[in-house]
Amino acid sequence: MSRKISFYKVADHPNELEWAGNDIAVVELKGKKICLGRFGEKLFAFAYKCPHAGGILADGYIDALGNLVCPLHRYKYSLENGRNTSGEGYYLKHWPVELREEGVFVGMEEGGSWNFFH
């Protein structure tokens, strides 16, 4: 059974987001905070808090390999697929991002809870 994904606009343009020096911005989507990360020419959407100990991921950074690094314990997660790349076995919630003429959109399963897109 395929699930329908709906895309929601989070910004008119990537330049209007408040990018910290770490290339991570916080946006609100359906009343919840999520993070957008910028690596190379791509944007990625992922959870606001680390699944390990709840560290605020916007306070972390993106390393040279494109991994998000949590500020608390330095756990690393792939921006591409949410996999924990430092070996602890956690999984970072992440969502698809589309750059369109009208703006920046993040995809979410319709009618889904915050457990979407694993």
N, C-alpha and C. Protein backbone atom coordinates (compact mmCIF):
# COMPACT_ATOMS: atom_id res chain seq x y z
N MET A 1 0.84 -1.18 0.00
CA MET A 1 0.00 0.00 0.00
C MET A 1 0.89 1.24 0.00
N SER A 2 0.74 2.07 -1.01
CA SER A 2 1.58 3.26 -1.08
C SER A 2 0.93 4.40 -0.31
N ARG A 3 1.77 5.19 0.30
CA ARG A 3 1.28 6.31 1.09
C ARG A 3 1.43 7.59 0.30
N LYS A 4 0.44 8.45 0.42
CA LYS A 4 0.47 9.71 -0.31
C LYS A 4 1.30 10.73 0.48
N ILE A 5 2.22 11.38 -0.24
CA ILE A 5 3.05 12.41 0.35
C ILE A 5 2.54 13.77 -0.10
N SER A 6 2.35 14.66 0.85
CA SER A 6 1.99 16.04 0.53
C SER A 6 3.17 16.93 0.87
N PHE A 7 3.40 17.95 0.04
CA PHE A 7 4.50 18.87 0.28
C PHE A 7 3.97 20.19 0.82
N TYR A 8 4.67 20.71 1.82
CA TYR A 8 4.27 21.94 2.50
C TYR A 8 5.38 22.98 2.35
N LYS A 9 4.97 24.18 2.03
CA LYS A 9 5.94 25.26 1.84
C LYS A 9 6.45 25.74 3.19
N VAL A 10 7.78 25.82 3.32
CA VAL A 10 8.39 26.31 4.56
C VAL A 10 9.12 27.62 4.36
N ALA A 11 9.36 28.01 3.10
CA ALA A 11 10.04 29.28 2.81
C ALA A 11 9.83 29.65 1.35
N ASP A 12 9.88 30.93 1.06
CA ASP A 12 9.77 31.39 -0.33
C ASP A 12 11.05 31.10 -1.11
N HIS A 13 12.18 31.13 -0.41
CA HIS A 13 13.48 30.92 -1.04
C HIS A 13 14.48 30.49 0.04
N PRO A 14 15.46 29.64 -0.28
CA PRO A 14 16.44 29.24 0.73
C PRO A 14 17.15 30.42 1.39
N ASN A 15 17.34 31.51 0.65
CA ASN A 15 18.06 32.66 1.21
C ASN A 15 17.28 33.38 2.30
N GLU A 16 15.97 33.15 2.39
CA GLU A 16 15.21 33.84 3.42
C GLU A 16 15.25 33.09 4.76
N LEU A 17 15.77 31.86 4.75
CA LEU A 17 15.90 31.10 5.99
C LEU A 17 17.04 31.66 6.83
N GLU A 18 16.91 31.52 8.13
CA GLU A 18 17.97 31.99 9.03
C GLU A 18 19.00 30.88 9.21
N TRP A 19 19.94 30.83 8.29
CA TRP A 19 21.00 29.81 8.33
C TRP A 19 22.02 30.23 9.38
N ALA A 20 22.28 29.34 10.30
CA ALA A 20 23.35 29.60 11.26
C ALA A 20 24.67 29.35 10.53
N GLY A 21 25.77 29.68 11.14
CA GLY A 21 27.07 29.45 10.52
C GLY A 21 27.34 27.98 10.25
N ASN A 22 26.48 27.11 10.78
CA ASN A 22 26.65 25.66 10.61
C ASN A 22 25.80 25.11 9.47
N ASP A 23 25.19 25.97 8.65
CA ASP A 23 24.33 25.56 7.53
C ASP A 23 23.10 24.78 7.97
N ILE A 24 22.59 25.09 9.16
CA ILE A 24 21.36 24.47 9.65
C ILE A 24 20.38 25.59 10.02
N ALA A 25 19.14 25.46 9.55
CA ALA A 25 18.08 26.42 9.88
C ALA A 25 16.93 25.68 10.54
N VAL A 26 16.17 26.38 11.36
CA VAL A 26 14.99 25.81 12.01
C VAL A 26 13.75 26.41 11.35
N VAL A 27 12.81 25.55 10.98
CA VAL A 27 11.54 26.00 10.41
C VAL A 27 10.40 25.32 11.16
N GLU A 28 9.21 25.85 10.97
CA GLU A 28 8.04 25.22 11.57
C GLU A 28 7.23 24.56 10.48
N LEU A 29 6.83 23.33 10.73
CA LEU A 29 6.02 22.58 9.78
C LEU A 29 4.87 21.93 10.55
N LYS A 30 3.66 22.34 10.23
CA LYS A 30 2.46 21.80 10.89
C LYS A 30 2.56 21.94 12.41
N GLY A 31 3.06 23.09 12.87
CA GLY A 31 3.12 23.38 14.30
C GLY A 31 4.28 22.76 15.04
N LYS A 32 5.19 22.10 14.34
CA LYS A 32 6.36 21.48 14.98
C LYS A 32 7.64 22.05 14.38
N LYS A 33 8.68 22.12 15.20
CA LYS A 33 9.98 22.56 14.70
C LYS A 33 10.69 21.38 14.03
N ILE A 34 11.28 21.67 12.87
CA ILE A 34 12.17 20.72 12.22
C ILE A 34 13.39 21.51 11.76
N CYS A 35 14.41 20.81 11.34
CA CYS A 35 15.62 21.46 10.85
C CYS A 35 15.76 21.25 9.35
N LEU A 36 16.36 22.24 8.70
CA LEU A 36 16.79 22.12 7.32
C LEU A 36 18.30 22.24 7.33
N GLY A 37 18.95 21.35 6.62
CA GLY A 37 20.40 21.40 6.51
C GLY A 37 20.80 21.64 5.07
N ARG A 38 21.89 22.34 4.89
CA ARG A 38 22.38 22.66 3.55
C ARG A 38 23.77 22.03 3.42
N PHE A 39 23.89 21.15 2.40
CA PHE A 39 25.18 20.52 2.13
C PHE A 39 25.38 20.50 0.63
N GLY A 40 26.43 21.15 0.17
CA GLY A 40 26.63 21.28 -1.27
C GLY A 40 25.49 22.09 -1.85
N GLU A 41 24.88 21.58 -2.89
CA GLU A 41 23.77 22.26 -3.55
C GLU A 41 22.41 21.75 -3.07
N LYS A 42 22.41 20.84 -2.09
CA LYS A 42 21.15 20.19 -1.69
C LYS A 42 20.68 20.66 -0.32
N LEU A 43 19.35 20.57 -0.13
CA LEU A 43 18.74 20.83 1.17
C LEU A 43 18.16 19.53 1.71
N PHE A 44 18.21 19.38 3.03
CA PHE A 44 17.71 18.19 3.70
C PHE A 44 16.86 18.63 4.89
N ALA A 45 15.77 17.90 5.14
CA ALA A 45 14.92 18.16 6.30
C ALA A 45 15.06 17.01 7.28
N PHE A 46 15.20 17.35 8.56
CA PHE A 46 15.38 16.30 9.58
C PHE A 46 14.86 16.79 10.92
N ALA A 47 14.77 15.85 11.85
CA ALA A 47 14.21 16.11 13.17
C ALA A 47 14.95 17.24 13.90
N TYR A 48 14.23 17.93 14.76
CA TYR A 48 14.79 19.02 15.56
C TYR A 48 15.66 18.48 16.69
N LYS A 49 15.29 17.29 17.22
CA LYS A 49 16.03 16.72 18.34
C LYS A 49 16.66 15.38 17.97
N CYS A 50 17.81 15.12 18.54
CA CYS A 50 18.52 13.85 18.32
C CYS A 50 17.73 12.70 18.96
N PRO A 51 17.61 11.57 18.26
CA PRO A 51 16.87 10.43 18.81
C PRO A 51 17.58 9.78 20.01
N HIS A 52 18.85 10.08 20.22
CA HIS A 52 19.60 9.46 21.32
C HIS A 52 19.25 10.12 22.65
N ALA A 53 19.56 11.41 22.80
CA ALA A 53 19.37 12.06 24.10
C ALA A 53 18.66 13.41 23.98
N GLY A 54 18.05 13.67 22.82
CA GLY A 54 17.25 14.88 22.67
C GLY A 54 18.04 16.16 22.44
N GLY A 55 19.30 16.05 22.06
CA GLY A 55 20.10 17.24 21.76
C GLY A 55 19.46 18.04 20.64
N ILE A 56 19.55 19.35 20.73
CA ILE A 56 18.99 20.23 19.70
C ILE A 56 19.93 20.21 18.50
N LEU A 57 19.47 19.58 17.42
CA LEU A 57 20.34 19.36 16.26
C LEU A 57 20.72 20.65 15.54
N ALA A 58 19.94 21.70 15.70
CA ALA A 58 20.29 22.99 15.10
C ALA A 58 21.57 23.56 15.72
N ASP A 59 21.93 23.06 16.89
CA ASP A 59 23.16 23.50 17.55
C ASP A 59 24.36 22.64 17.16
N GLY A 60 24.12 21.61 16.33
CA GLY A 60 25.20 20.75 15.85
C GLY A 60 25.83 21.33 14.61
N TYR A 61 26.40 20.46 13.80
CA TYR A 61 27.00 20.93 12.55
C TYR A 61 26.99 19.81 11.52
N ILE A 62 27.27 20.18 10.28
CA ILE A 62 27.36 19.22 9.19
C ILE A 62 28.83 19.05 8.85
N ASP A 63 29.32 17.81 8.92
CA ASP A 63 30.74 17.58 8.68
C ASP A 63 31.06 17.56 7.19
N ALA A 64 32.33 17.39 6.86
CA ALA A 64 32.80 17.45 5.47
C ALA A 64 32.25 16.33 4.60
N LEU A 65 31.73 15.26 5.22
CA LEU A 65 31.17 14.13 4.48
C LEU A 65 29.66 14.23 4.31
N GLY A 66 29.05 15.27 4.85
CA GLY A 66 27.60 15.42 4.75
C GLY A 66 26.84 14.72 5.85
N ASN A 67 27.48 14.50 6.98
CA ASN A 67 26.81 13.92 8.14
C ASN A 67 26.44 15.03 9.12
N LEU A 68 25.25 14.92 9.68
CA LEU A 68 24.84 15.81 10.74
C LEU A 68 25.48 15.30 12.03
N VAL A 69 26.08 16.19 12.81
CA VAL A 69 26.74 15.81 14.06
C VAL A 69 25.99 16.46 15.21
N CYS A 70 25.48 15.62 16.13
CA CYS A 70 24.75 16.12 17.29
C CYS A 70 25.71 16.85 18.24
N PRO A 71 25.26 17.99 18.82
CA PRO A 71 26.14 18.74 19.70
C PRO A 71 26.39 18.08 21.06
N LEU A 72 25.52 17.15 21.50
CA LEU A 72 25.69 16.57 22.83
C LEU A 72 26.76 15.49 22.90
N HIS A 73 26.63 14.46 22.08
CA HIS A 73 27.54 13.32 22.17
C HIS A 73 28.26 13.03 20.87
N ARG A 74 28.11 13.91 19.90
CA ARG A 74 28.79 13.81 18.59
C ARG A 74 28.36 12.60 17.77
N TYR A 75 27.13 12.10 18.03
CA TYR A 75 26.60 11.05 17.17
C TYR A 75 26.41 11.64 15.78
N LYS A 76 26.65 10.85 14.75
CA LYS A 76 26.55 11.33 13.38
C LYS A 76 25.44 10.62 12.63
N TYR A 77 24.76 11.40 11.76
CA TYR A 77 23.66 10.87 10.96
C TYR A 77 23.81 11.33 9.52
N SER A 78 23.54 10.42 8.58
CA SER A 78 23.56 10.76 7.16
C SER A 78 22.39 11.68 6.85
N LEU A 79 22.67 12.79 6.17
CA LEU A 79 21.59 13.67 5.73
C LEU A 79 20.77 13.02 4.63
N GLU A 80 21.38 12.12 3.88
CA GLU A 80 20.70 11.45 2.76
C GLU A 80 19.60 10.49 3.23
N ASN A 81 19.89 9.70 4.28
CA ASN A 81 18.94 8.64 4.64
C ASN A 81 18.65 8.51 6.15
N GLY A 82 19.22 9.37 6.97
CA GLY A 82 18.94 9.33 8.41
C GLY A 82 19.70 8.28 9.19
N ARG A 83 20.49 7.46 8.49
CA ARG A 83 21.25 6.39 9.18
C ARG A 83 22.30 6.97 10.12
N ASN A 84 22.45 6.32 11.24
CA ASN A 84 23.48 6.68 12.21
C ASN A 84 24.81 6.16 11.67
N THR A 85 25.73 7.08 11.35
CA THR A 85 26.99 6.68 10.71
C THR A 85 28.14 6.51 11.70
N SER A 86 27.90 6.82 12.98
CA SER A 86 28.96 6.65 13.96
C SER A 86 28.80 5.35 14.75
N GLY A 87 27.81 4.51 14.38
CA GLY A 87 27.74 3.15 14.90
C GLY A 87 26.86 2.89 16.09
N GLU A 88 26.11 3.86 16.58
CA GLU A 88 25.31 3.62 17.78
C GLU A 88 23.95 2.99 17.50
N GLY A 89 23.53 2.96 16.24
CA GLY A 89 22.30 2.26 15.87
C GLY A 89 21.02 3.08 15.88
N TYR A 90 21.11 4.37 16.05
CA TYR A 90 19.91 5.21 16.04
C TYR A 90 19.54 5.57 14.62
N TYR A 91 18.34 6.12 14.47
CA TYR A 91 17.84 6.53 13.16
C TYR A 91 17.25 7.92 13.28
N LEU A 92 17.68 8.83 12.43
CA LEU A 92 17.20 10.20 12.46
C LEU A 92 16.03 10.37 11.50
N LYS A 93 14.90 10.85 12.01
CA LYS A 93 13.75 11.13 11.15
C LYS A 93 14.16 12.19 10.14
N HIS A 94 13.76 11.96 8.90
CA HIS A 94 14.08 12.92 7.84
C HIS A 94 12.95 12.90 6.82
N TRP A 95 12.88 13.98 6.04
CA TRP A 95 11.80 14.14 5.08
C TRP A 95 12.34 14.70 3.77
N PRO A 96 11.66 14.41 2.67
CA PRO A 96 12.13 14.92 1.37
C PRO A 96 11.94 16.44 1.27
N VAL A 97 12.86 17.07 0.56
CA VAL A 97 12.79 18.51 0.31
C VAL A 97 12.76 18.73 -1.20
N GLU A 98 11.89 19.63 -1.62
CA GLU A 98 11.86 20.02 -3.04
C GLU A 98 12.04 21.52 -3.14
N LEU A 99 12.97 21.92 -4.00
CA LEU A 99 13.14 23.33 -4.33
C LEU A 99 12.33 23.58 -5.59
N ARG A 100 11.35 24.45 -5.48
CA ARG A 100 10.49 24.78 -6.62
C ARG A 100 10.58 26.28 -6.88
N GLU A 101 10.04 26.69 -8.02
CA GLU A 101 10.00 28.11 -8.32
C GLU A 101 9.29 28.89 -7.23
N GLU A 102 8.24 28.29 -6.65
CA GLU A 102 7.43 28.96 -5.62
C GLU A 102 8.08 28.95 -4.25
N GLY A 103 9.13 28.15 -4.05
CA GLY A 103 9.77 28.13 -2.74
C GLY A 103 10.34 26.78 -2.35
N VAL A 104 10.56 26.63 -1.04
CA VAL A 104 11.13 25.42 -0.45
C VAL A 104 9.98 24.62 0.17
N PHE A 105 9.87 23.35 -0.22
CA PHE A 105 8.78 22.49 0.25
C PHE A 105 9.34 21.24 0.92
N VAL A 106 8.68 20.82 2.01
CA VAL A 106 9.06 19.59 2.73
C VAL A 106 7.88 18.62 2.64
N GLY A 107 8.17 17.36 2.32
CA GLY A 107 7.15 16.34 2.16
C GLY A 107 6.83 15.60 3.44
N MET A 108 5.55 15.29 3.60
CA MET A 108 5.07 14.57 4.78
C MET A 108 3.95 13.64 4.35
N GLU A 109 3.90 12.47 4.96
CA GLU A 109 2.81 11.54 4.67
C GLU A 109 1.48 12.17 5.07
N GLU A 110 0.50 12.05 4.20
CA GLU A 110 -0.82 12.59 4.50
C GLU A 110 -1.45 11.85 5.65
N GLY A 111 -2.02 12.61 6.57
CA GLY A 111 -2.70 12.01 7.71
C GLY A 111 -1.74 11.32 8.66
N GLY A 112 -0.46 11.43 8.37
CA GLY A 112 0.53 10.75 9.19
C GLY A 112 0.84 11.51 10.46
N SER A 113 1.40 10.81 11.39
CA SER A 113 1.86 11.43 12.62
C SER A 113 3.29 11.89 12.38
N TRP A 114 3.98 12.18 13.43
CA TRP A 114 5.38 12.61 13.29
C TRP A 114 6.30 11.43 13.08
N ASN A 115 5.76 10.25 12.91
CA ASN A 115 6.57 9.07 12.61
C ASN A 115 6.68 8.86 11.12
N PHE A 116 6.59 9.92 10.34
CA PHE A 116 6.57 9.76 8.90
C PHE A 116 7.97 9.68 8.31
N PHE A 117 8.03 9.02 7.20
CA PHE A 117 9.19 8.93 6.31
C PHE A 117 10.41 8.26 6.92
N HIS A 118 10.28 7.00 7.23
CA HIS A 118 11.45 6.22 7.65
C HIS A 118 11.93 5.43 6.48
